[in-house]
Amino acid sequence: MRTQTTAPERAQAQANGSTVALAAADRRQGGRPPGPSAQVRAGRGFTRRSAAGDVVMAYIGEQAARLKEFDPLVRKNAPDSVHQMRVASRRLRSTLQAYPAILPTPATEHLRAELKWLGEVLGEARDNEVLSDYLLSRLASLPAEQVLGPAQARIRAHFAPREAGERDTLVDALNSARYYALIAEVDRLLADPPLTAAAAEPADKVLPRAIGRAYRRTRRRMQHARRTVPGAGRDTALHETRKAAKRARYAAEAAQPALGKKARRFARRMQTVQSALGDQHDAVIARAAAREIGVRAHLAGENAFTFGLLSERAARDAADYEATALRAWKHAERRTSVR
């Protein structure tokens, strides 16, 4: 026999704007949990005592809205739209990964896998554009006497077909049944989130623990990277550290409306580390691309001297960005706290 929800109980839940409390009340009545409240959808009015599930679901709702907002812009090939849609998909996935105490891992496993797929499709379309811009900007910074042969044309010829091909692949993905099923799954999550009991607990009790776990994961990966001998293995370890820092950053961003300035500061520190490591990764990939283009230029009978310079410049950039990331990490380690 179910206990009936009293009118005062439900009125109080509505006044607090708590989706978690309303869901609990409706379940005791045997009804279906409601969709997110206006407060949750807007992400406003949260405090440290707000339900942790409300705070996390508000952030998920914001990123889902951004994902949909940039869909038509990506189809129109609007500037920066691919990057913004990619960021929204990554934030969604990272939040689901970071808060298993609120949204249990088995319940979100399939959605996380589909968001990873979407992020990869968006990433492939974005990465060639980033590499092309990187090499062209470094080429433009060289003295004229060091640019031998049709270097600019060679770079454009290398990336243009790749960008076009990835663009076609991306549009096909956005028109696929798989993508529309993903969007429908996101909508179901928002309408009826599989919240745990911990979701009803205060934000300042639940959210810092999740952020702390994400931070410790980043710290372990950074320690491993610093112990790794410089070279391909270290570059891979730094790339994994970047991904962990990104998850920690997004976990803190989700909690910021409730936890305030400490979460905001932590997120900024993780963003600084993430950005420097992202630049380092781009430089590592650009170095390999410059070498590949140079080899093709040489085999075509062109002078590949300029591409050797670009490859060396990318190597120096990678070292500089790595040093920047390590300094940022030391700063973050000394000041990390979200409670």
Foldseek 3Di string as FASTA:
>chain_A
DADQQDPVQCVVCVVLQAQVSQCVNQVSVVHARFFRGPCLCVLPDAAQFFQQLSLLLSLLNVLLVQLVVLLVVLVVVHPCSLVSNLVSLLLNLLSCVLACLWAPCVNCVVLSVLSVVLNVLSCQLVLLVLLLVLLVVVLVPDPPVQDFDPVNVLSCVVRVVSNVVSSVVNVVVSVDPSNVVSSVVSVVCRGHPPTDPSSRGGSNVRLQVSLVVLVVVLVVLVVVLVPDDPDPVSLVSLVVSLSSLQSSLSSLVSSCNHLPDLSVVLNVLSVQLNVLSVLLNSLVVSLVVLVVSLVVCVVVVTHSSSSVVSNVVSVVSNVVSVVSNVVSVVVSVVDHDRD
